[in-house]
Amino acid sequence: MPSFSAFNDKSELVAPLPASWMAVSVKIIEHLEDAVLPELLARALDTLVQFDDCEQFVYRDDDNPIHVYDSSLSAYAKVGLTNYVKNTYVLGPFYKRYRVGLKTGVYRLRDMIPDGSFFGAGNLKNYKVSIKASEELGYLTEGWPEGRQELCIALELPMGECAGITLSRRSGDAGFSPKDVEAVTSVISFLAAAFRHYWRVARFCYLGNGRRKGADVDLQVFDGDVLSPREREIAQLLLRGHSTLSISLQLGISITTVKTHRKNLYAKLGIATQFELFSLFKNYHHVATASEEISSLSRAIS
C-alpha cells in the first residue's frame, strides 16, 4: 500500500481543471442533443488552450468531410474552408491518418506529417492550393489564412466515422506545446462521449435520409412554400449550430435581419427555440424513414 506521503506528492497530481471549464461542461451536459453543442465544445476548449479559430468536421470513409462548425471566420477564410471540404482535404495528414485507422487523441499537426511528405507542384496541380514552404504542410489551401499552426483532436465515432476538431492560431516560436496537448488529453474522454451522443441525433440532420453527400444539411423537410429561400438558408445554418453573428457573417446580412428571419421561420414552423428546430428535423427524419419503409413493403406485397 502506498504511503500517505505519496498521495500528497503534488508533482504526481494532474493539474485541476479551471472553474471556467467546469461551468461550460455543465452546459454541454445540458445540451447534448442541441444544435449548439459544437459551439459549447469550442468554448470549453477555449478555457484550456489559447486559439484563434476552431473548425469541426466529421470524416466518413471516402466521402467529403461534413462541415459541422466553425468559429466566426472571415468571408475570405470561408472560401478556404469550402475549398478544403470540396477539394484539398484528401491532401491533409488528418484525413490520411483517418483512412488507416486514426485513434481518438490529441495531435499537433506538425507531428502528423510524415518525413519527406512535401508535395511538388506537379502533385498539386489538381488541387486548389499554392506551395508555401513557410506553412506547416508546405502548401496552403486557397482562401485559408496564412501562417497558422494547428492542434488536431480526433474523436472516433460509430460506423467508422471520425470527428476532427481543429484549433488554430497564428504561428509563433513555440506553437502548441506538449502542455497544450496534455491539457486537452485530460478531457478527451469527455469530449468523445459528448460528441458521440450529439452525433447520434445530429447525423440525421446532416445526412437526411442518406440521399446526400458532402457538407450541406438536407432541408427537404422544409421544402414547399412554408419558408422563403432566405429562411431555409438560415434554418440550415441554425441546424449546423451557427450563432446569429456567424449567420450574419456567412450570409453578409445584418444581425437584425438575421433575427427577423429567425423569428419569422420559428413562427411559421410553430416553434420558439433552436432546440425545437433541431427536434423537428430529427422527428421528420424518423417519420420519413418509416414512410419509405411502409411504401417499400407495400410494393413488395403487391
C-alpha atoms as a PDB file:
ATOM      1  CA  MET A   1       0.000   0.000   0.000  1.00  0.00           C
ATOM      2  CA  PRO A   2       1.450   3.419  -0.923  1.00  0.00           C
ATOM      3  CA  SER A   3       2.396   5.657   1.971  1.00  0.00           C
ATOM      4  CA  PHE A   4       0.350   8.720   2.926  1.00  0.00           C
ATOM      5  CA  SER A   5       3.174  10.961   1.719  1.00  0.00           C
ATOM      6  CA  ALA A   6       2.869   9.512  -1.793  1.00  0.00           C
ATOM      7  CA  PHE A   7      -0.710  10.754  -2.104  1.00  0.00           C
ATOM      8  CA  ASN A   8       0.405  14.194  -1.045  1.00  0.00           C
ATOM      9  CA  ASP A   9       3.184  14.460  -3.615  1.00  0.00           C
ATOM     10  CA  LYS A  10       1.644  17.235  -5.744  1.00  0.00           C
ATOM     11  CA  SER A  11       4.193  16.725  -8.518  1.00  0.00           C
ATOM     12  CA  GLU A  12       2.401  13.480  -9.347  1.00  0.00           C
ATOM     13  CA  LEU A  13      -1.065  15.009  -9.486  1.00  0.00           C
ATOM     14  CA  VAL A  14      -2.771  16.170 -12.665  1.00  0.00           C
ATOM     15  CA  ALA A  15      -3.426  19.921 -12.707  1.00  0.00           C
ATOM     16  CA  PRO A  16      -7.055  20.603 -11.753  1.00  0.00           C
ATOM     17  CA  LEU A  17      -9.416  21.802 -14.453  1.00  0.00           C
ATOM     18  CA  PRO A  18     -10.276  25.502 -14.250  1.00  0.00           C
ATOM     19  CA  ALA A  19     -13.648  26.626 -12.903  1.00  0.00           C
ATOM     20  CA  SER A  20     -14.465  28.062 -16.339  1.00  0.00           C
ATOM     21  CA  TRP A  21     -14.153  24.563 -17.853  1.00  0.00           C
ATOM     22  CA  MET A  22     -16.474  23.147 -15.224  1.00  0.00           C
ATOM     23  CA  ALA A  23     -19.081  25.839 -15.938  1.00  0.00           C
ATOM     24  CA  VAL A  24     -19.098  25.170 -19.691  1.00  0.00           C
ATOM     25  CA  SER A  25     -19.040  21.389 -19.224  1.00  0.00           C
ATOM     26  CA  VAL A  26     -22.286  21.655 -17.267  1.00  0.00           C
ATOM     27  CA  LYS A  27     -23.790  23.438 -20.292  1.00  0.00           C
ATOM     28  CA  ILE A  28     -22.504  20.668 -22.540  1.00  0.00           C
ATOM     29  CA  ILE A  29     -24.285  18.031 -20.470  1.00  0.00           C
ATOM     30  CA  GLU A  30     -27.479  20.086 -20.596  1.00  0.00           C
ATOM     31  CA  HIS A  31     -27.303  20.440 -24.403  1.00  0.00           C
ATOM     32  CA  LEU A  32     -26.013  17.083 -25.640  1.00  0.00           C
ATOM     33  CA  GLU A  33     -28.770  16.848 -28.270  1.00  0.00           C
ATOM     34  CA  ASP A  34     -28.886  20.550 -29.065  1.00  0.00           C
ATOM     35  CA  ALA A  35     -27.535  22.204 -32.218  1.00  0.00           C
ATOM     36  CA  VAL A  36     -25.394  24.478 -30.030  1.00  0.00           C
ATOM     37  CA  LEU A  37     -23.276  21.566 -28.761  1.00  0.00           C
ATOM     38  CA  PRO A  38     -20.324  22.085 -31.192  1.00  0.00           C
ATOM     39  CA  GLU A  39     -20.079  25.742 -30.147  1.00  0.00           C
ATOM     40  CA  LEU A  40     -20.094  24.719 -26.484  1.00  0.00           C
ATOM     41  CA  LEU A  41     -17.242  22.276 -27.138  1.00  0.00           C
ATOM     42  CA  ALA A  42     -15.244  25.126 -28.683  1.00  0.00           C
ATOM     43  CA  ARG A  43     -15.984  27.342 -25.692  1.00  0.00           C
ATOM     44  CA  ALA A  44     -14.906  24.591 -23.299  1.00  0.00           C
ATOM     45  CA  LEU A  45     -11.630  24.061 -25.146  1.00  0.00           C
ATOM     46  CA  ASP A  46     -11.010  27.803 -25.038  1.00  0.00           C
ATOM     47  CA  THR A  47     -10.784  27.528 -21.240  1.00  0.00           C
ATOM     48  CA  LEU A  48      -7.866  25.086 -21.589  1.00  0.00           C
ATOM     49  CA  VAL A  49      -5.910  26.219 -24.647  1.00  0.00           C
ATOM     50  CA  GLN A  50      -5.474  29.571 -26.357  1.00  0.00           C
ATOM     51  CA  PHE A  51      -6.538  29.541 -30.028  1.00  0.00           C
ATOM     52  CA  ASP A  52      -7.916  31.905 -32.664  1.00  0.00           C
ATOM     53  CA  ASP A  53     -10.244  29.640 -34.633  1.00  0.00           C
ATOM     54  CA  CYS A  54     -11.996  26.302 -34.206  1.00  0.00           C
ATOM     55  CA  GLU A  55     -13.285  24.136 -37.053  1.00  0.00           C
ATOM     56  CA  GLN A  56     -15.136  20.848 -36.654  1.00  0.00           C
ATOM     57  CA  PHE A  57     -15.688  18.173 -39.291  1.00  0.00           C
ATOM     58  CA  VAL A  58     -16.876  14.591 -39.480  1.00  0.00           C
ATOM     59  CA  TYR A  59     -14.953  12.293 -41.815  1.00  0.00           C
ATOM     60  CA  ARG A  60     -16.805   9.429 -43.494  1.00  0.00           C
ATOM     61  CA  ASP A  61     -14.749   6.911 -45.471  1.00  0.00           C
ATOM     62  CA  ASP A  62     -14.063   8.359 -48.938  1.00  0.00           C
ATOM     63  CA  ASP A  63     -16.887  10.940 -48.853  1.00  0.00           C
ATOM     64  CA  ASN A  64     -16.232  14.647 -48.482  1.00  0.00           C
ATOM     65  CA  PRO A  65     -15.965  15.630 -44.819  1.00  0.00           C
ATOM     66  CA  ILE A  66     -19.068  17.127 -43.232  1.00  0.00           C
ATOM     67  CA  HIS A  67     -18.542  20.669 -42.014  1.00  0.00           C
ATOM     68  CA  VAL A  68     -20.125  20.761 -38.568  1.00  0.00           C
ATOM     69  CA  TYR A  69     -18.929  24.045 -37.050  1.00  0.00           C
ATOM     70  CA  ASP A  70     -16.543  26.936 -37.399  1.00  0.00           C
ATOM     71  CA  SER A  71     -15.932  29.918 -35.161  1.00  0.00           C
ATOM     72  CA  SER A  72     -16.756  33.149 -36.970  1.00  0.00           C
ATOM     73  CA  LEU A  73     -14.260  33.030 -39.827  1.00  0.00           C
ATOM     74  CA  SER A  74     -13.953  35.942 -42.225  1.00  0.00           C
ATOM     75  CA  ALA A  75     -15.751  35.740 -45.564  1.00  0.00           C
ATOM     76  CA  TYR A  76     -12.363  35.143 -47.231  1.00  0.00           C
ATOM     77  CA  ALA A  77     -11.467  32.322 -44.857  1.00  0.00           C
ATOM     78  CA  LYS A  78     -14.825  30.659 -45.554  1.00  0.00           C
ATOM     79  CA  VAL A  79     -13.736  30.376 -49.196  1.00  0.00           C
ATOM     80  CA  GLY A  80     -10.741  28.423 -47.939  1.00  0.00           C
ATOM     81  CA  LEU A  81     -12.971  26.239 -45.785  1.00  0.00           C
ATOM     82  CA  THR A  82     -15.174  25.445 -48.789  1.00  0.00           C
ATOM     83  CA  ASN A  83     -12.104  24.593 -50.890  1.00  0.00           C
ATOM     84  CA  TYR A  84     -10.922  22.265 -48.121  1.00  0.00           C
ATOM     85  CA  VAL A  85     -14.237  20.402 -47.830  1.00  0.00           C
ATOM     86  CA  LYS A  86     -14.683  20.037 -51.583  1.00  0.00           C
ATOM     87  CA  ASN A  87     -11.112  19.556 -52.751  1.00  0.00           C
ATOM     88  CA  THR A  88      -7.998  19.674 -50.575  1.00  0.00           C
ATOM     89  CA  TYR A  89      -8.982  17.599 -47.530  1.00  0.00           C
ATOM     90  CA  VAL A  90      -7.561  14.498 -49.257  1.00  0.00           C
ATOM     91  CA  LEU A  91      -4.070  16.005 -49.044  1.00  0.00           C
ATOM     92  CA  GLY A  92      -4.200  16.583 -45.295  1.00  0.00           C
ATOM     93  CA  PRO A  93      -2.452  14.296 -42.810  1.00  0.00           C
ATOM     94  CA  PHE A  94      -5.564  14.107 -40.607  1.00  0.00           C
ATOM     95  CA  TYR A  95      -7.643  12.542 -43.405  1.00  0.00           C
ATOM     96  CA  LYS A  96      -4.804  10.258 -44.457  1.00  0.00           C
ATOM     97  CA  ARG A  97      -4.324   9.055 -40.877  1.00  0.00           C
ATOM     98  CA  TYR A  98      -8.094   8.578 -40.531  1.00  0.00           C
ATOM     99  CA  ARG A  99      -8.174   6.335 -43.596  1.00  0.00           C
ATOM    100  CA  VAL A 100      -5.662   3.970 -41.975  1.00  0.00           C
ATOM    101  CA  GLY A 101      -7.235   3.963 -38.507  1.00  0.00           C
ATOM    102  CA  LEU A 102      -6.692   7.196 -36.605  1.00  0.00           C
ATOM    103  CA  LYS A 103      -7.408   6.720 -32.899  1.00  0.00           C
ATOM    104  CA  THR A 104      -9.091   9.117 -30.500  1.00  0.00           C
ATOM    105  CA  GLY A 105      -6.434  11.524 -29.311  1.00  0.00           C
ATOM    106  CA  VAL A 106      -4.803  14.955 -29.495  1.00  0.00           C
ATOM    107  CA  TYR A 107      -2.163  15.628 -32.139  1.00  0.00           C
ATOM    108  CA  ARG A 108      -0.138  18.615 -33.228  1.00  0.00           C
ATOM    109  CA  LEU A 109      -0.470  18.925 -36.991  1.00  0.00           C
ATOM    110  CA  ARG A 110       3.279  19.117 -37.472  1.00  0.00           C
ATOM    111  CA  ASP A 111       3.668  15.797 -35.645  1.00  0.00           C
ATOM    112  CA  MET A 112       1.192  14.113 -38.003  1.00  0.00           C
ATOM    113  CA  ILE A 113       3.203  14.939 -41.130  1.00  0.00           C
ATOM    114  CA  PRO A 114       5.439  12.022 -42.158  1.00  0.00           C
ATOM    115  CA  ASP A 115       9.035  12.782 -43.126  1.00  0.00           C
ATOM    116  CA  GLY A 116       9.525  13.577 -46.788  1.00  0.00           C
ATOM    117  CA  SER A 117       5.850  14.329 -47.397  1.00  0.00           C
ATOM    118  CA  PHE A 118       6.396  17.647 -49.184  1.00  0.00           C
ATOM    119  CA  PHE A 119       4.278  17.887 -52.327  1.00  0.00           C
ATOM    120  CA  GLY A 120       5.838  19.233 -55.515  1.00  0.00           C
ATOM    121  CA  ALA A 121       3.915  21.477 -57.915  1.00  0.00           C
ATOM    122  CA  GLY A 122       3.182  18.540 -60.199  1.00  0.00           C
ATOM    123  CA  ASN A 123       1.408  16.644 -57.413  1.00  0.00           C
ATOM    124  CA  LEU A 124      -0.764  19.636 -56.532  1.00  0.00           C
ATOM    125  CA  LYS A 125      -1.905  20.771 -59.967  1.00  0.00           C
ATOM    126  CA  ASN A 126      -5.405  19.321 -59.496  1.00  0.00           C
ATOM    127  CA  TYR A 127      -5.926  20.970 -56.113  1.00  0.00           C
ATOM    128  CA  LYS A 128      -6.771  24.483 -55.022  1.00  0.00           C
ATOM    129  CA  VAL A 129      -3.507  25.094 -53.208  1.00  0.00           C
ATOM    130  CA  SER A 130      -0.345  27.138 -53.504  1.00  0.00           C
ATOM    131  CA  ILE A 131       3.104  25.957 -52.406  1.00  0.00           C
ATOM    132  CA  LYS A 132       4.379  27.831 -49.365  1.00  0.00           C
ATOM    133  CA  ALA A 133       7.431  26.458 -47.596  1.00  0.00           C
ATOM    134  CA  SER A 134       6.654  28.575 -44.527  1.00  0.00           C
ATOM    135  CA  GLU A 135       3.421  26.654 -43.860  1.00  0.00           C
ATOM    136  CA  GLU A 136       3.360  23.555 -41.652  1.00  0.00           C
ATOM    137  CA  LEU A 137       2.160  21.443 -44.573  1.00  0.00           C
ATOM    138  CA  GLY A 138       4.362  23.079 -47.204  1.00  0.00           C
ATOM    139  CA  TYR A 139       1.278  24.332 -49.037  1.00  0.00           C
ATOM    140  CA  LEU A 140      -1.794  26.454 -48.352  1.00  0.00           C
ATOM    141  CA  THR A 141      -5.399  25.855 -49.421  1.00  0.00           C
ATOM    142  CA  GLU A 142      -6.617  28.814 -51.487  1.00  0.00           C
ATOM    143  CA  GLY A 143      -8.511  31.223 -49.233  1.00  0.00           C
ATOM    144  CA  TRP A 144      -7.171  29.793 -45.983  1.00  0.00           C
ATOM    145  CA  PRO A 145      -5.426  32.210 -43.580  1.00  0.00           C
ATOM    146  CA  GLU A 146      -1.641  32.084 -43.800  1.00  0.00           C
ATOM    147  CA  GLY A 147       0.797  31.375 -41.017  1.00  0.00           C
ATOM    148  CA  ARG A 148      -1.343  29.129 -38.787  1.00  0.00           C
ATOM    149  CA  GLN A 149      -0.377  26.270 -36.525  1.00  0.00           C
ATOM    150  CA  GLU A 150      -2.944  23.606 -35.710  1.00  0.00           C
ATOM    151  CA  LEU A 151      -3.848  21.284 -32.887  1.00  0.00           C
ATOM    152  CA  CYS A 152      -5.984  18.364 -34.059  1.00  0.00           C
ATOM    153  CA  ILE A 153      -8.432  16.429 -31.880  1.00  0.00           C
ATOM    154  CA  ALA A 154      -9.635  13.090 -33.240  1.00  0.00           C
ATOM    155  CA  LEU A 155     -12.816  11.540 -31.825  1.00  0.00           C
ATOM    156  CA  GLU A 156     -13.762   8.083 -33.080  1.00  0.00           C
ATOM    157  CA  LEU A 157     -17.457   7.659 -33.921  1.00  0.00           C
ATOM    158  CA  PRO A 158     -19.642   4.626 -34.674  1.00  0.00           C
ATOM    159  CA  MET A 159     -19.881   3.288 -38.239  1.00  0.00           C
ATOM    160  CA  GLY A 160     -16.225   4.005 -38.947  1.00  0.00           C
ATOM    161  CA  GLU A 161     -16.667   7.775 -38.838  1.00  0.00           C
ATOM    162  CA  CYS A 162     -14.382  10.215 -37.053  1.00  0.00           C
ATOM    163  CA  ALA A 163     -14.876  13.762 -35.791  1.00  0.00           C
ATOM    164  CA  GLY A 164     -11.983  16.144 -36.250  1.00  0.00           C
ATOM    165  CA  ILE A 165     -11.773  19.305 -34.139  1.00  0.00           C
ATOM    166  CA  THR A 166      -9.037  21.671 -35.293  1.00  0.00           C
ATOM    167  CA  LEU A 167      -7.783  24.514 -33.115  1.00  0.00           C
ATOM    168  CA  SER A 168      -5.618  27.015 -34.967  1.00  0.00           C
ATOM    169  CA  ARG A 169      -3.661  30.094 -34.046  1.00  0.00           C
ATOM    170  CA  ARG A 170      -1.082  32.360 -35.601  1.00  0.00           C
ATOM    171  CA  SER A 171       2.349  30.828 -35.871  1.00  0.00           C
ATOM    172  CA  GLY A 172       4.767  31.556 -33.054  1.00  0.00           C
ATOM    173  CA  ASP A 173       8.162  30.323 -31.991  1.00  0.00           C
ATOM    174  CA  ALA A 174       6.723  27.724 -29.629  1.00  0.00           C
ATOM    175  CA  GLY A 175       3.447  26.805 -31.340  1.00  0.00           C
ATOM    176  CA  PHE A 176       1.172  24.410 -29.482  1.00  0.00           C
ATOM    177  CA  SER A 177       3.177  22.967 -26.625  1.00  0.00           C
ATOM    178  CA  PRO A 178       3.198  19.495 -25.048  1.00  0.00           C
ATOM    179  CA  LYS A 179       1.411  21.172 -22.132  1.00  0.00           C
ATOM    180  CA  ASP A 180      -1.426  22.182 -24.502  1.00  0.00           C
ATOM    181  CA  VAL A 181      -1.661  18.604 -25.747  1.00  0.00           C
ATOM    182  CA  GLU A 182      -1.732  17.329 -22.164  1.00  0.00           C
ATOM    183  CA  ALA A 183      -4.476  19.778 -21.159  1.00  0.00           C
ATOM    184  CA  VAL A 184      -6.805  18.641 -23.938  1.00  0.00           C
ATOM    185  CA  THR A 185      -5.867  14.979 -23.474  1.00  0.00           C
ATOM    186  CA  SER A 186      -7.042  15.220 -19.862  1.00  0.00           C
ATOM    187  CA  VAL A 187     -10.624  15.781 -21.083  1.00  0.00           C
ATOM    188  CA  ILE A 188     -10.550  13.705 -24.281  1.00  0.00           C
ATOM    189  CA  SER A 189     -12.890  11.015 -22.919  1.00  0.00           C
ATOM    190  CA  PHE A 190     -15.463  13.658 -22.015  1.00  0.00           C
ATOM    191  CA  LEU A 191     -15.190  15.313 -25.449  1.00  0.00           C
ATOM    192  CA  ALA A 192     -15.532  11.969 -27.224  1.00  0.00           C
ATOM    193  CA  ALA A 193     -18.592  10.919 -25.214  1.00  0.00           C
ATOM    194  CA  ALA A 194     -20.297  14.286 -25.706  1.00  0.00           C
ATOM    195  CA  PHE A 195     -19.720  14.340 -29.460  1.00  0.00           C
ATOM    196  CA  ARG A 196     -20.822  10.712 -29.896  1.00  0.00           C
ATOM    197  CA  HIS A 197     -24.099  11.475 -28.118  1.00  0.00           C
ATOM    198  CA  TYR A 198     -24.618  14.633 -30.174  1.00  0.00           C
ATOM    199  CA  TRP A 199     -23.806  12.888 -33.452  1.00  0.00           C
ATOM    200  CA  ARG A 200     -26.350  10.120 -32.886  1.00  0.00           C
ATOM    201  CA  VAL A 201     -29.010  12.809 -33.282  1.00  0.00           C
ATOM    202  CA  ALA A 202     -27.277  15.386 -35.478  1.00  0.00           C
ATOM    203  CA  ARG A 203     -26.225  12.836 -38.100  1.00  0.00           C
ATOM    204  CA  PHE A 204     -29.820  12.722 -39.390  1.00  0.00           C
ATOM    205  CA  CYS A 205     -29.800  16.479 -39.923  1.00  0.00           C
ATOM    206  CA  TYR A 206     -26.573  16.430 -41.914  1.00  0.00           C
ATOM    207  CA  LEU A 207     -27.258  13.318 -43.973  1.00  0.00           C
ATOM    208  CA  GLY A 208     -31.034  13.481 -44.337  1.00  0.00           C
ATOM    209  CA  ASN A 209     -32.204  10.044 -45.482  1.00  0.00           C
ATOM    210  CA  GLY A 210     -28.828   9.094 -46.900  1.00  0.00           C
ATOM    211  CA  ARG A 211     -29.520  10.740 -50.253  1.00  0.00           C
ATOM    212  CA  ARG A 212     -26.778  13.364 -49.969  1.00  0.00           C
ATOM    213  CA  LYS A 213     -23.019  13.507 -49.582  1.00  0.00           C
ATOM    214  CA  GLY A 214     -20.849  16.450 -48.540  1.00  0.00           C
ATOM    215  CA  ALA A 215     -21.226  19.306 -46.126  1.00  0.00           C
ATOM    216  CA  ASP A 216     -24.766  20.629 -46.558  1.00  0.00           C
ATOM    217  CA  VAL A 217     -27.763  19.831 -44.399  1.00  0.00           C
ATOM    218  CA  ASP A 218     -30.657  18.260 -46.261  1.00  0.00           C
ATOM    219  CA  LEU A 219     -33.658  20.524 -45.693  1.00  0.00           C
ATOM    220  CA  GLN A 220     -36.255  18.627 -47.698  1.00  0.00           C
ATOM    221  CA  VAL A 221     -38.436  18.754 -44.579  1.00  0.00           C
ATOM    222  CA  PHE A 222     -38.842  22.479 -45.181  1.00  0.00           C
ATOM    223  CA  ASP A 223     -39.499  22.303 -48.914  1.00  0.00           C
ATOM    224  CA  GLY A 224     -42.522  23.957 -50.429  1.00  0.00           C
ATOM    225  CA  ASP A 225     -43.997  27.356 -49.712  1.00  0.00           C
ATOM    226  CA  VAL A 226     -43.802  27.315 -45.911  1.00  0.00           C
ATOM    227  CA  LEU A 227     -40.416  29.045 -45.686  1.00  0.00           C
ATOM    228  CA  SER A 228     -38.845  31.568 -48.010  1.00  0.00           C
ATOM    229  CA  PRO A 229     -35.480  30.703 -49.625  1.00  0.00           C
ATOM    230  CA  ARG A 230     -33.684  33.004 -47.178  1.00  0.00           C
ATOM    231  CA  GLU A 231     -35.490  31.454 -44.198  1.00  0.00           C
ATOM    232  CA  ARG A 232     -34.454  27.974 -45.386  1.00  0.00           C
ATOM    233  CA  GLU A 233     -30.846  29.185 -45.600  1.00  0.00           C
ATOM    234  CA  ILE A 234     -30.971  30.443 -42.039  1.00  0.00           C
ATOM    235  CA  ALA A 235     -32.685  27.262 -40.816  1.00  0.00           C
ATOM    236  CA  GLN A 236     -29.863  25.256 -42.389  1.00  0.00           C
ATOM    237  CA  LEU A 237     -27.223  27.285 -40.595  1.00  0.00           C
ATOM    238  CA  LEU A 238     -29.112  27.094 -37.298  1.00  0.00           C
ATOM    239  CA  LEU A 239     -29.243  23.305 -37.611  1.00  0.00           C
ATOM    240  CA  ARG A 240     -25.479  23.342 -38.068  1.00  0.00           C
ATOM    241  CA  GLY A 241     -25.055  25.215 -34.793  1.00  0.00           C
ATOM    242  CA  HIS A 242     -24.269  28.696 -36.138  1.00  0.00           C
ATOM    243  CA  SER A 243     -24.866  31.692 -33.896  1.00  0.00           C
ATOM    244  CA  THR A 244     -26.679  34.862 -35.006  1.00  0.00           C
ATOM    245  CA  LEU A 245     -23.336  36.601 -35.540  1.00  0.00           C
ATOM    246  CA  SER A 246     -21.943  33.678 -37.529  1.00  0.00           C
ATOM    247  CA  ILE A 247     -25.030  33.608 -39.788  1.00  0.00           C
ATOM    248  CA  SER A 248     -24.728  37.355 -40.307  1.00  0.00           C
ATOM    249  CA  LEU A 249     -21.110  36.980 -41.453  1.00  0.00           C
ATOM    250  CA  GLN A 250     -21.868  33.904 -43.552  1.00  0.00           C
ATOM    251  CA  LEU A 251     -24.736  35.494 -45.500  1.00  0.00           C
ATOM    252  CA  GLY A 252     -23.498  39.090 -45.492  1.00  0.00           C
ATOM    253  CA  ILE A 253     -26.589  40.498 -43.792  1.00  0.00           C
ATOM    254  CA  SER A 254     -27.098  42.425 -40.557  1.00  0.00           C
ATOM    255  CA  ILE A 255     -27.681  40.780 -37.191  1.00  0.00           C
ATOM    256  CA  THR A 256     -31.080  42.491 -37.013  1.00  0.00           C
ATOM    257  CA  THR A 257     -32.073  40.949 -40.359  1.00  0.00           C
ATOM    258  CA  VAL A 258     -30.988  37.500 -39.166  1.00  0.00           C
ATOM    259  CA  LYS A 259     -33.093  37.867 -36.015  1.00  0.00           C
ATOM    260  CA  THR A 260     -36.122  38.953 -38.061  1.00  0.00           C
ATOM    261  CA  HIS A 261     -35.848  35.969 -40.425  1.00  0.00           C
ATOM    262  CA  ARG A 262     -35.313  33.601 -37.495  1.00  0.00           C
ATOM    263  CA  LYS A 263     -38.386  34.943 -35.690  1.00  0.00           C
ATOM    264  CA  ASN A 264     -40.478  34.544 -38.853  1.00  0.00           C
ATOM    265  CA  LEU A 265     -39.343  30.980 -39.604  1.00  0.00           C
ATOM    266  CA  TYR A 266     -39.937  29.934 -35.999  1.00  0.00           C
ATOM    267  CA  ALA A 267     -43.473  31.360 -36.190  1.00  0.00           C
ATOM    268  CA  LYS A 268     -44.183  29.535 -39.460  1.00  0.00           C
ATOM    269  CA  LEU A 269     -42.965  26.228 -38.030  1.00  0.00           C
ATOM    270  CA  GLY A 270     -44.799  26.713 -34.734  1.00  0.00           C
ATOM    271  CA  ILE A 271     -41.649  26.598 -32.618  1.00  0.00           C
ATOM    272  CA  ALA A 272     -39.851  29.024 -30.295  1.00  0.00           C
ATOM    273  CA  THR A 273     -36.246  27.812 -29.915  1.00  0.00           C
ATOM    274  CA  GLN A 274     -33.294  26.416 -31.842  1.00  0.00           C
ATOM    275  CA  PHE A 275     -33.621  23.172 -29.898  1.00  0.00           C
ATOM    276  CA  GLU A 276     -37.218  22.771 -31.134  1.00  0.00           C
ATOM    277  CA  LEU A 277     -35.973  23.299 -34.695  1.00  0.00           C
ATOM    278  CA  PHE A 278     -33.413  20.556 -34.136  1.00  0.00           C
ATOM    279  CA  SER A 279     -36.058  18.224 -32.684  1.00  0.00           C
ATOM    280  CA  LEU A 280     -38.458  18.974 -35.531  1.00  0.00           C
ATOM    281  CA  PHE A 281     -35.879  17.921 -38.077  1.00  0.00           C
ATOM    282  CA  LYS A 282     -34.993  14.781 -36.108  1.00  0.00           C
ATOM    283  CA  ASN A 283     -38.652  13.779 -35.802  1.00  0.00           C
ATOM    284  CA  TYR A 284     -39.196  14.383 -39.501  1.00  0.00           C
ATOM    285  CA  HIS A 285     -36.379  12.007 -40.305  1.00  0.00           C
ATOM    286  CA  HIS A 286     -37.980   9.213 -38.273  1.00  0.00           C
ATOM    287  CA  VAL A 287     -41.383   9.775 -39.907  1.00  0.00           C
ATOM    288  CA  ALA A 288     -39.914   9.972 -43.416  1.00  0.00           C
ATOM    289  CA  THR A 289     -37.867   6.811 -42.909  1.00  0.00           C
ATOM    290  CA  ALA A 290     -40.900   4.910 -41.589  1.00  0.00           C
ATOM    291  CA  SER A 291     -42.992   6.143 -44.523  1.00  0.00           C
ATOM    292  CA  GLU A 292     -40.396   4.931 -47.034  1.00  0.00           C
ATOM    293  CA  GLU A 293     -40.204   1.539 -45.329  1.00  0.00           C
ATOM    294  CA  ILE A 294     -44.005   1.173 -45.431  1.00  0.00           C
ATOM    295  CA  SER A 295     -44.060   2.160 -49.115  1.00  0.00           C
ATOM    296  CA  SER A 296     -41.334  -0.388 -49.897  1.00  0.00           C
ATOM    297  CA  LEU A 297     -43.239  -3.098 -48.011  1.00  0.00           C
ATOM    298  CA  SER A 298     -46.462  -2.255 -49.863  1.00  0.00           C
ATOM    299  CA  ARG A 299     -44.688  -2.517 -53.222  1.00  0.00           C
ATOM    300  CA  ALA A 300     -43.168  -5.847 -52.215  1.00  0.00           C
ATOM    301  CA  ILE A 301     -46.552  -7.273 -51.169  1.00  0.00           C
ATOM    302  CA  SER A 302     -48.286  -6.069 -54.304  1.00  0.00           C
END
